[in-house]
Amino acid sequence: HIITYQATPQGPLPFGQQLENVVELHDGRHDLTFRQQANSWVNAPDIAATITAVSNQPLAATVVTYTVGLQNVGLASSNQISTVISLPNSFHIITDTLSSTAGNAAVGDRRIYWEGDLARAESVTVTLVLTREITAVSQWVAATALVDDGVTNPTFFTEWTYLPVYSQFLPRVLYIQ
C-alpha cells in the first residue's frame, strides 16, 4: 500500500523552519505499531554534492583527480556552508593543486575543508590531484563528503572508485606455414 498526504501550514513559517512529519501505523491483527519520522524544512537551502574521481589511465592509474561539486538546489541561500571531504589513505596529496571556484578551501589531515556561501541555484567546484603507487592488488577506495548548510541536518555523500591491478599482456605470435 502507498499512503500519501498533503499538509498546508496555517500561516507563514519563518526561514529554515523544521517540520516534523510523523507517520504511525498500527496493525490490529498482530498488535504491531510502526512509527516513522521524516523532517523537512521550509524556505531552506538544500545542498547537493557530487564526488568524481578521474584517473590518468584505466589500468595502473598513478594520478587521480578528485572533483567535488556542491550546488544549492533549495529555495533559500545559505551563508554558512561547511564541507569536509575525507580522502583515501593510500593516496599522496599534491597540496598545490587544490582549487576552488568560490569560497575558501584548505587541505589538512587527509581532508579537504571548504567553507563558503551558496545562493539559490549557485554551485561551486573544488578540485585536488592525488597520486598513488602502483600496486599488485586491486583496490576500492572511498572519498566521503560531510556537508553542513547551517540550517538543515548535515548530509553525508560517498564515492567509491575501483582501481584495477596493474597487468600487462604479451602479444600473441601466430606462425603459419
N, C-alpha and C. Protein backbone atom coordinates (compact mmCIF):
# COMPACT_ATOMS: atom_id res chain seq x y z
N HIS A 1 0.83 -1.18 0.00
CA HIS A 1 0.00 0.00 0.00
C HIS A 1 0.88 1.24 0.00
N ILE A 2 0.41 2.26 -0.64
CA ILE A 2 1.08 3.56 -0.64
C ILE A 2 0.15 4.57 0.00
N ILE A 3 0.68 5.27 0.97
CA ILE A 3 -0.09 6.30 1.66
C ILE A 3 0.53 7.64 1.33
N THR A 4 -0.27 8.56 0.82
CA THR A 4 0.21 9.90 0.53
C THR A 4 -0.66 10.90 1.28
N TYR A 5 -0.06 12.03 1.59
CA TYR A 5 -0.82 13.09 2.24
C TYR A 5 -0.22 14.43 1.87
N GLN A 6 -0.99 15.46 2.08
CA GLN A 6 -0.55 16.82 1.81
C GLN A 6 -0.94 17.67 3.01
N ALA A 7 -0.01 18.50 3.45
CA ALA A 7 -0.27 19.37 4.60
C ALA A 7 -0.11 20.82 4.17
N THR A 8 -0.94 21.68 4.71
CA THR A 8 -0.87 23.11 4.42
C THR A 8 -0.71 23.86 5.73
N PRO A 9 0.36 24.67 5.86
CA PRO A 9 0.54 25.43 7.10
C PRO A 9 -0.59 26.44 7.29
N GLN A 10 -0.91 26.73 8.54
CA GLN A 10 -1.99 27.67 8.85
C GLN A 10 -1.57 29.12 8.68
N GLY A 11 -0.29 29.35 8.61
CA GLY A 11 0.20 30.72 8.45
C GLY A 11 1.61 30.70 7.92
N PRO A 12 2.22 31.87 7.74
CA PRO A 12 3.59 31.92 7.23
C PRO A 12 4.57 31.29 8.22
N LEU A 13 5.55 30.61 7.69
CA LEU A 13 6.58 29.98 8.51
C LEU A 13 7.89 30.73 8.33
N PRO A 14 8.69 30.84 9.38
CA PRO A 14 9.96 31.55 9.27
C PRO A 14 10.98 30.76 8.44
N PHE A 15 11.99 31.48 7.97
CA PHE A 15 13.08 30.90 7.20
C PHE A 15 13.71 29.74 7.97
N GLY A 16 13.85 28.61 7.32
CA GLY A 16 14.52 27.47 7.93
C GLY A 16 13.69 26.72 8.95
N GLN A 17 12.40 26.92 8.98
CA GLN A 17 11.54 26.23 9.95
C GLN A 17 11.52 24.73 9.66
N GLN A 18 11.82 23.93 10.69
CA GLN A 18 11.80 22.48 10.55
C GLN A 18 10.40 21.96 10.81
N LEU A 19 9.92 21.12 9.91
CA LEU A 19 8.63 20.46 10.08
C LEU A 19 8.87 18.98 10.31
N GLU A 20 8.30 18.45 11.38
CA GLU A 20 8.42 17.03 11.67
C GLU A 20 7.20 16.31 11.12
N ASN A 21 7.42 15.38 10.24
CA ASN A 21 6.34 14.58 9.67
C ASN A 21 6.40 13.20 10.32
N VAL A 22 5.41 12.89 11.13
CA VAL A 22 5.38 11.62 11.84
C VAL A 22 4.22 10.79 11.31
N VAL A 23 4.52 9.57 10.93
CA VAL A 23 3.51 8.62 10.48
C VAL A 23 3.54 7.43 11.42
N GLU A 24 2.38 7.06 11.93
CA GLU A 24 2.28 5.91 12.81
C GLU A 24 1.20 4.98 12.27
N LEU A 25 1.58 3.75 12.02
CA LEU A 25 0.66 2.74 11.51
C LEU A 25 0.50 1.63 12.55
N HIS A 26 -0.73 1.19 12.74
CA HIS A 26 -0.98 0.13 13.71
C HIS A 26 -1.67 -1.04 13.01
N ASP A 27 -1.11 -2.21 13.21
CA ASP A 27 -1.69 -3.45 12.68
C ASP A 27 -2.41 -4.13 13.84
N GLY A 28 -3.75 -4.04 13.82
CA GLY A 28 -4.55 -4.61 14.91
C GLY A 28 -4.52 -6.12 14.95
N ARG A 29 -4.31 -6.73 13.81
CA ARG A 29 -4.31 -8.19 13.76
C ARG A 29 -3.13 -8.78 14.53
N HIS A 30 -1.97 -8.14 14.40
CA HIS A 30 -0.76 -8.64 15.07
C HIS A 30 -0.34 -7.74 16.23
N ASP A 31 -1.10 -6.72 16.47
CA ASP A 31 -0.81 -5.75 17.53
C ASP A 31 0.60 -5.16 17.39
N LEU A 32 0.90 -4.72 16.17
CA LEU A 32 2.19 -4.10 15.88
C LEU A 32 1.98 -2.64 15.52
N THR A 33 2.87 -1.80 16.00
CA THR A 33 2.82 -0.38 15.68
C THR A 33 4.14 0.02 15.04
N PHE A 34 4.05 0.69 13.90
CA PHE A 34 5.21 1.18 13.18
C PHE A 34 5.18 2.70 13.18
N ARG A 35 6.32 3.30 13.52
CA ARG A 35 6.39 4.76 13.58
C ARG A 35 7.59 5.21 12.75
N GLN A 36 7.36 6.16 11.88
CA GLN A 36 8.43 6.70 11.04
C GLN A 36 8.34 8.22 11.08
N GLN A 37 9.51 8.87 11.19
CA GLN A 37 9.55 10.32 11.21
C GLN A 37 10.49 10.82 10.12
N ALA A 38 10.05 11.81 9.39
CA ALA A 38 10.87 12.47 8.37
C ALA A 38 10.78 13.97 8.60
N ASN A 39 11.91 14.63 8.47
CA ASN A 39 11.95 16.07 8.67
C ASN A 39 12.07 16.78 7.33
N SER A 40 11.42 17.91 7.23
CA SER A 40 11.59 18.77 6.06
C SER A 40 11.68 20.20 6.57
N TRP A 41 12.26 21.05 5.74
CA TRP A 41 12.46 22.43 6.13
C TRP A 41 11.78 23.34 5.12
N VAL A 42 11.23 24.43 5.61
CA VAL A 42 10.54 25.40 4.77
C VAL A 42 11.51 26.53 4.44
N ASN A 43 11.56 26.92 3.17
CA ASN A 43 12.43 28.01 2.73
C ASN A 43 13.85 27.84 3.25
N ALA A 44 14.42 26.69 2.98
CA ALA A 44 15.76 26.39 3.47
C ALA A 44 16.65 25.98 2.30
N PRO A 45 17.96 26.10 2.48
CA PRO A 45 18.87 25.62 1.45
C PRO A 45 18.83 24.09 1.38
N ASP A 46 19.21 23.56 0.25
CA ASP A 46 19.32 22.11 0.06
C ASP A 46 20.56 21.89 -0.79
N ILE A 47 21.63 21.45 -0.16
CA ILE A 47 22.91 21.33 -0.84
C ILE A 47 23.08 19.91 -1.37
N ALA A 48 23.28 19.80 -2.67
CA ALA A 48 23.55 18.51 -3.31
C ALA A 48 25.05 18.45 -3.61
N ALA A 49 25.65 17.30 -3.35
CA ALA A 49 27.09 17.14 -3.58
C ALA A 49 27.33 15.99 -4.55
N THR A 50 28.33 16.17 -5.39
CA THR A 50 28.80 15.09 -6.25
C THR A 50 30.31 14.97 -6.07
N ILE A 51 30.80 13.74 -6.04
CA ILE A 51 32.23 13.48 -5.93
C ILE A 51 32.61 12.64 -7.15
N THR A 52 33.61 13.08 -7.89
CA THR A 52 34.06 12.36 -9.07
C THR A 52 35.56 12.13 -8.98
N ALA A 53 35.98 10.90 -9.26
CA ALA A 53 37.40 10.57 -9.31
C ALA A 53 37.75 10.17 -10.73
N VAL A 54 38.72 10.86 -11.32
CA VAL A 54 39.15 10.57 -12.69
C VAL A 54 40.62 10.20 -12.66
N SER A 55 40.93 8.99 -13.12
CA SER A 55 42.33 8.55 -13.12
C SER A 55 43.00 8.90 -14.44
N ASN A 56 44.34 8.95 -14.41
CA ASN A 56 45.09 9.33 -15.61
C ASN A 56 45.12 8.21 -16.65
N GLN A 57 44.80 7.00 -16.27
CA GLN A 57 44.72 5.89 -17.22
C GLN A 57 43.85 4.79 -16.63
N PRO A 58 43.23 3.98 -17.47
CA PRO A 58 42.29 2.99 -16.95
C PRO A 58 42.96 1.88 -16.13
N LEU A 59 44.16 1.48 -16.50
CA LEU A 59 44.89 0.45 -15.75
C LEU A 59 46.14 1.06 -15.15
N ALA A 60 46.47 0.67 -13.97
CA ALA A 60 47.67 1.13 -13.27
C ALA A 60 47.69 2.64 -13.10
N ALA A 61 46.58 3.19 -12.72
CA ALA A 61 46.48 4.64 -12.53
C ALA A 61 47.37 5.08 -11.39
N THR A 62 48.17 6.11 -11.64
CA THR A 62 49.03 6.65 -10.60
C THR A 62 48.61 8.05 -10.19
N VAL A 63 47.80 8.71 -11.01
CA VAL A 63 47.31 10.05 -10.71
C VAL A 63 45.79 10.03 -10.77
N VAL A 64 45.16 10.52 -9.70
CA VAL A 64 43.70 10.58 -9.65
C VAL A 64 43.30 12.00 -9.28
N THR A 65 42.39 12.58 -10.06
CA THR A 65 41.89 13.92 -9.80
C THR A 65 40.50 13.81 -9.19
N TYR A 66 40.35 14.32 -7.99
CA TYR A 66 39.05 14.35 -7.32
C TYR A 66 38.40 15.71 -7.55
N THR A 67 37.14 15.68 -7.96
CA THR A 67 36.36 16.89 -8.15
C THR A 67 35.10 16.78 -7.31
N VAL A 68 34.88 17.76 -6.47
CA VAL A 68 33.69 17.80 -5.62
C VAL A 68 32.85 18.99 -6.07
N GLY A 69 31.60 18.70 -6.40
CA GLY A 69 30.68 19.76 -6.80
C GLY A 69 29.61 19.94 -5.74
N LEU A 70 29.35 21.17 -5.37
CA LEU A 70 28.28 21.50 -4.42
C LEU A 70 27.32 22.44 -5.12
N GLN A 71 26.02 22.16 -5.01
CA GLN A 71 25.02 23.04 -5.62
C GLN A 71 23.86 23.21 -4.66
N ASN A 72 23.41 24.45 -4.54
CA ASN A 72 22.25 24.74 -3.70
C ASN A 72 21.00 24.61 -4.56
N VAL A 73 20.26 23.53 -4.36
CA VAL A 73 19.03 23.29 -5.13
C VAL A 73 17.80 23.66 -4.30
N GLY A 74 18.02 24.29 -3.16
CA GLY A 74 16.92 24.66 -2.27
C GLY A 74 16.29 25.99 -2.64
N LEU A 75 15.38 26.43 -1.79
CA LEU A 75 14.63 27.66 -2.03
C LEU A 75 15.22 28.88 -1.34
N ALA A 76 16.33 28.71 -0.63
CA ALA A 76 16.93 29.84 0.08
C ALA A 76 18.45 29.76 0.00
N SER A 77 19.10 30.89 0.16
CA SER A 77 20.55 30.95 0.18
C SER A 77 21.07 30.39 1.50
N SER A 78 22.33 29.97 1.47
CA SER A 78 22.99 29.54 2.70
C SER A 78 24.27 30.34 2.84
N ASN A 79 24.44 30.96 3.99
CA ASN A 79 25.59 31.82 4.21
C ASN A 79 26.65 31.19 5.09
N GLN A 80 26.52 29.93 5.40
CA GLN A 80 27.46 29.33 6.34
C GLN A 80 27.68 27.84 6.07
N ILE A 81 27.94 27.49 4.82
CA ILE A 81 28.14 26.08 4.48
C ILE A 81 29.56 25.67 4.85
N SER A 82 29.68 24.51 5.47
CA SER A 82 30.99 23.92 5.72
C SER A 82 30.96 22.48 5.22
N THR A 83 32.03 22.10 4.54
CA THR A 83 32.13 20.77 3.95
C THR A 83 33.48 20.18 4.29
N VAL A 84 33.48 18.90 4.68
CA VAL A 84 34.71 18.16 4.95
C VAL A 84 34.73 16.95 4.03
N ILE A 85 35.75 16.86 3.18
CA ILE A 85 35.89 15.74 2.26
C ILE A 85 37.05 14.88 2.74
N SER A 86 36.78 13.64 3.10
CA SER A 86 37.82 12.70 3.53
C SER A 86 38.34 11.95 2.33
N LEU A 87 39.66 11.90 2.19
CA LEU A 87 40.30 11.30 1.03
C LEU A 87 40.86 9.92 1.37
N PRO A 88 41.07 9.07 0.36
CA PRO A 88 41.60 7.72 0.62
C PRO A 88 42.98 7.75 1.27
N ASN A 89 43.23 6.83 2.19
CA ASN A 89 44.50 6.79 2.90
C ASN A 89 45.67 6.37 2.03
N SER A 90 45.43 5.63 0.97
CA SER A 90 46.51 5.10 0.14
C SER A 90 47.04 6.10 -0.89
N PHE A 91 46.56 7.33 -0.86
CA PHE A 91 46.98 8.33 -1.84
C PHE A 91 47.89 9.36 -1.20
N HIS A 92 48.71 9.99 -2.05
CA HIS A 92 49.56 11.11 -1.65
C HIS A 92 48.92 12.38 -2.20
N ILE A 93 48.75 13.37 -1.35
CA ILE A 93 48.07 14.61 -1.74
C ILE A 93 49.08 15.59 -2.31
N ILE A 94 48.76 16.17 -3.45
CA ILE A 94 49.56 17.24 -4.03
C ILE A 94 48.85 18.55 -3.66
N THR A 95 49.27 19.15 -2.56
CA THR A 95 48.53 20.26 -1.95
C THR A 95 48.42 21.48 -2.85
N ASP A 96 49.44 21.74 -3.68
CA ASP A 96 49.37 22.96 -4.51
C ASP A 96 48.43 22.82 -5.70
N THR A 97 47.77 21.68 -5.86
CA THR A 97 46.79 21.52 -6.94
C THR A 97 45.37 21.83 -6.49
N LEU A 98 45.18 22.15 -5.22
CA LEU A 98 43.85 22.44 -4.70
C LEU A 98 43.31 23.73 -5.34
N SER A 99 42.10 23.64 -5.87
CA SER A 99 41.46 24.84 -6.44
C SER A 99 39.98 24.82 -6.10
N SER A 100 39.42 26.01 -6.02
CA SER A 100 38.00 26.17 -5.70
C SER A 100 37.47 27.35 -6.50
N THR A 101 36.27 27.18 -7.08
CA THR A 101 35.69 28.26 -7.88
C THR A 101 35.07 29.35 -7.02
N ALA A 102 34.87 29.08 -5.74
CA ALA A 102 34.32 30.08 -4.80
C ALA A 102 34.60 29.60 -3.39
N GLY A 103 34.43 30.47 -2.42
CA GLY A 103 34.62 30.10 -1.03
C GLY A 103 36.09 29.90 -0.68
N ASN A 104 36.33 29.27 0.47
CA ASN A 104 37.68 29.04 0.96
C ASN A 104 37.92 27.54 1.09
N ALA A 105 38.99 27.06 0.45
CA ALA A 105 39.34 25.64 0.51
C ALA A 105 40.73 25.48 1.11
N ALA A 106 40.91 24.41 1.90
CA ALA A 106 42.20 24.11 2.50
C ALA A 106 42.34 22.59 2.59
N VAL A 107 43.60 22.14 2.68
CA VAL A 107 43.89 20.71 2.80
C VAL A 107 44.63 20.49 4.10
N GLY A 108 44.27 19.41 4.82
CA GLY A 108 44.96 19.02 6.04
C GLY A 108 44.37 17.75 6.60
N ASP A 109 45.18 16.95 7.25
CA ASP A 109 44.72 15.70 7.89
C ASP A 109 44.00 14.78 6.92
N ARG A 110 44.50 14.65 5.68
CA ARG A 110 43.91 13.79 4.65
C ARG A 110 42.48 14.21 4.30
N ARG A 111 42.20 15.49 4.45
CA ARG A 111 40.86 16.01 4.17
C ARG A 111 40.95 17.34 3.42
N ILE A 112 39.87 17.61 2.68
CA ILE A 112 39.68 18.93 2.10
C ILE A 112 38.62 19.62 2.94
N TYR A 113 38.90 20.85 3.36
CA TYR A 113 37.94 21.65 4.12
C TYR A 113 37.48 22.80 3.22
N TRP A 114 36.17 22.94 3.07
CA TRP A 114 35.64 24.05 2.27
C TRP A 114 34.57 24.78 3.07
N GLU A 115 34.62 26.10 3.03
CA GLU A 115 33.60 26.95 3.66
C GLU A 115 33.23 28.04 2.68
N GLY A 116 31.95 28.38 2.68
CA GLY A 116 31.52 29.45 1.80
C GLY A 116 30.02 29.60 1.78
N ASP A 117 29.56 30.47 0.90
CA ASP A 117 28.14 30.78 0.74
C ASP A 117 27.68 30.27 -0.62
N LEU A 118 26.43 29.85 -0.68
CA LEU A 118 25.83 29.48 -1.96
C LEU A 118 24.43 30.07 -2.02
N ALA A 119 24.20 30.91 -3.01
CA ALA A 119 22.85 31.45 -3.23
C ALA A 119 22.01 30.37 -3.91
N ARG A 120 20.74 30.64 -4.07
CA ARG A 120 19.86 29.68 -4.76
C ARG A 120 20.41 29.39 -6.15
N ALA A 121 20.44 28.11 -6.50
CA ALA A 121 20.89 27.61 -7.82
C ALA A 121 22.37 27.88 -8.09
N GLU A 122 23.11 28.32 -7.11
CA GLU A 122 24.54 28.56 -7.29
C GLU A 122 25.31 27.28 -7.00
N SER A 123 26.47 27.14 -7.65
CA SER A 123 27.29 25.95 -7.43
C SER A 123 28.75 26.33 -7.29
N VAL A 124 29.52 25.40 -6.74
CA VAL A 124 30.96 25.58 -6.58
C VAL A 124 31.63 24.24 -6.89
N THR A 125 32.85 24.32 -7.40
CA THR A 125 33.62 23.12 -7.72
C THR A 125 34.97 23.20 -7.01
N VAL A 126 35.33 22.12 -6.31
CA VAL A 126 36.61 22.01 -5.63
C VAL A 126 37.36 20.84 -6.27
N THR A 127 38.63 21.06 -6.63
CA THR A 127 39.41 20.03 -7.32
C THR A 127 40.75 19.84 -6.63
N LEU A 128 41.21 18.58 -6.56
CA LEU A 128 42.50 18.25 -5.97
C LEU A 128 43.07 17.03 -6.69
N VAL A 129 44.38 17.05 -6.93
CA VAL A 129 45.07 15.93 -7.58
C VAL A 129 45.81 15.13 -6.52
N LEU A 130 45.69 13.79 -6.63
CA LEU A 130 46.37 12.88 -5.72
C LEU A 130 47.18 11.87 -6.54
N THR A 131 48.21 11.30 -5.94
CA THR A 131 48.99 10.26 -6.60
C THR A 131 48.99 9.02 -5.73
N ARG A 132 49.34 7.89 -6.35
CA ARG A 132 49.44 6.64 -5.61
C ARG A 132 50.51 5.78 -6.26
N GLU A 133 50.98 4.81 -5.49
CA GLU A 133 51.94 3.84 -6.00
C GLU A 133 51.17 2.76 -6.75
N ILE A 134 51.79 2.20 -7.78
CA ILE A 134 51.17 1.07 -8.48
C ILE A 134 51.22 -0.13 -7.56
N THR A 135 50.11 -0.82 -7.45
CA THR A 135 50.05 -2.00 -6.57
C THR A 135 49.71 -3.24 -7.38
N ALA A 136 49.96 -4.39 -6.78
CA ALA A 136 49.64 -5.67 -7.40
C ALA A 136 48.29 -6.18 -6.92
N VAL A 137 47.56 -5.33 -6.22
CA VAL A 137 46.26 -5.71 -5.68
C VAL A 137 45.23 -4.67 -6.12
N SER A 138 44.10 -5.14 -6.61
CA SER A 138 43.02 -4.22 -6.96
C SER A 138 42.52 -3.52 -5.70
N GLN A 139 42.03 -2.30 -5.86
CA GLN A 139 41.55 -1.54 -4.71
C GLN A 139 40.22 -0.88 -5.01
N TRP A 140 39.37 -0.85 -4.01
CA TRP A 140 38.19 0.01 -3.98
C TRP A 140 38.53 1.10 -2.97
N VAL A 141 38.51 2.34 -3.39
CA VAL A 141 38.81 3.45 -2.48
C VAL A 141 37.60 4.37 -2.39
N ALA A 142 37.40 4.91 -1.21
CA ALA A 142 36.24 5.77 -0.98
C ALA A 142 36.68 7.19 -0.65
N ALA A 143 35.91 8.13 -1.15
CA ALA A 143 36.02 9.53 -0.73
C ALA A 143 34.64 9.91 -0.21
N THR A 144 34.61 10.59 0.92
CA THR A 144 33.33 10.95 1.53
C THR A 144 33.27 12.45 1.76
N ALA A 145 32.06 12.98 1.74
CA ALA A 145 31.86 14.41 1.99
C ALA A 145 30.75 14.57 3.02
N LEU A 146 31.01 15.37 4.04
CA LEU A 146 30.02 15.74 5.04
C LEU A 146 29.71 17.21 4.83
N VAL A 147 28.46 17.50 4.46
CA VAL A 147 28.05 18.86 4.10
C VAL A 147 27.06 19.38 5.13
N ASP A 148 27.38 20.54 5.71
CA ASP A 148 26.50 21.18 6.70
C ASP A 148 26.16 22.57 6.18
N ASP A 149 24.87 22.80 5.91
CA ASP A 149 24.45 24.10 5.38
C ASP A 149 24.09 25.10 6.47
N GLY A 150 24.20 24.71 7.73
CA GLY A 150 23.92 25.63 8.83
C GLY A 150 22.46 25.75 9.19
N VAL A 151 21.56 25.13 8.43
CA VAL A 151 20.13 25.22 8.70
C VAL A 151 19.54 23.83 8.90
N THR A 152 19.71 22.96 7.92
CA THR A 152 19.13 21.62 7.98
C THR A 152 20.14 20.65 8.60
N ASN A 153 19.81 19.38 8.63
CA ASN A 153 20.73 18.37 9.16
C ASN A 153 21.91 18.18 8.20
N PRO A 154 23.11 17.91 8.74
CA PRO A 154 24.25 17.61 7.86
C PRO A 154 23.96 16.39 6.99
N THR A 155 24.53 16.38 5.79
CA THR A 155 24.30 15.31 4.82
C THR A 155 25.63 14.66 4.47
N PHE A 156 25.61 13.34 4.29
CA PHE A 156 26.80 12.54 4.03
C PHE A 156 26.74 11.98 2.61
N PHE A 157 27.81 12.17 1.83
CA PHE A 157 27.89 11.66 0.46
C PHE A 157 29.14 10.79 0.34
N THR A 158 29.06 9.71 -0.46
CA THR A 158 30.19 8.80 -0.65
C THR A 158 30.40 8.49 -2.13
N GLU A 159 31.65 8.37 -2.52
CA GLU A 159 32.00 7.96 -3.89
C GLU A 159 33.04 6.84 -3.80
N TRP A 160 32.73 5.69 -4.37
CA TRP A 160 33.66 4.56 -4.43
C TRP A 160 34.29 4.53 -5.81
N THR A 161 35.61 4.32 -5.86
CA THR A 161 36.34 4.24 -7.11
C THR A 161 37.10 2.92 -7.15
N TYR A 162 36.99 2.21 -8.26
CA TYR A 162 37.70 0.95 -8.42
C TYR A 162 39.00 1.20 -9.17
N LEU A 163 40.10 0.78 -8.58
CA LEU A 163 41.41 0.90 -9.22
C LEU A 163 41.93 -0.51 -9.48
N PRO A 164 41.91 -0.95 -10.74
CA PRO A 164 42.31 -2.33 -11.03
C PRO A 164 43.80 -2.54 -10.85
N VAL A 165 44.18 -3.80 -10.73
CA VAL A 165 45.57 -4.19 -10.56
C VAL A 165 46.32 -3.93 -11.87
N TYR A 166 47.60 -3.63 -11.75
CA TYR A 166 48.42 -3.45 -12.94
C TYR A 166 48.58 -4.79 -13.64
N SER A 167 48.35 -4.80 -14.93
CA SER A 167 48.54 -6.04 -15.69
C SER A 167 49.09 -5.69 -17.06
N GLN A 168 49.88 -6.62 -17.58
CA GLN A 168 50.46 -6.42 -18.90
C GLN A 168 50.33 -7.74 -19.64
N PHE A 169 49.92 -7.66 -20.88
CA PHE A 169 49.72 -8.86 -21.68
C PHE A 169 50.77 -8.90 -22.78
N LEU A 170 51.34 -10.08 -22.98
CA LEU A 170 52.32 -10.26 -24.04
C LEU A 170 51.58 -10.42 -25.36
N PRO A 171 52.17 -9.95 -26.44
CA PRO A 171 51.49 -10.11 -27.73
C PRO A 171 51.44 -11.58 -28.14
N ARG A 172 50.41 -11.93 -28.83
CA ARG A 172 50.26 -13.30 -29.32
C ARG A 172 50.98 -13.39 -30.66
N VAL A 173 51.80 -14.39 -30.79
CA VAL A 173 52.54 -14.60 -32.03
C VAL A 173 51.88 -15.75 -32.77
N LEU A 174 51.58 -15.52 -34.02
CA LEU A 174 50.92 -16.53 -34.82
C LEU A 174 51.86 -16.92 -35.96
N TYR A 175 52.17 -18.18 -36.01
CA TYR A 175 53.07 -18.67 -37.05
C TYR A 175 52.29 -19.63 -37.93
N ILE A 176 52.25 -19.36 -39.23
CA ILE A 176 51.54 -20.21 -40.17
C ILE A 176 52.52 -20.66 -41.25
N GLN A 177 52.52 -21.96 -41.56
CA GLN A 177 53.39 -22.46 -42.62
C GLN A 177 52.65 -22.62 -43.90
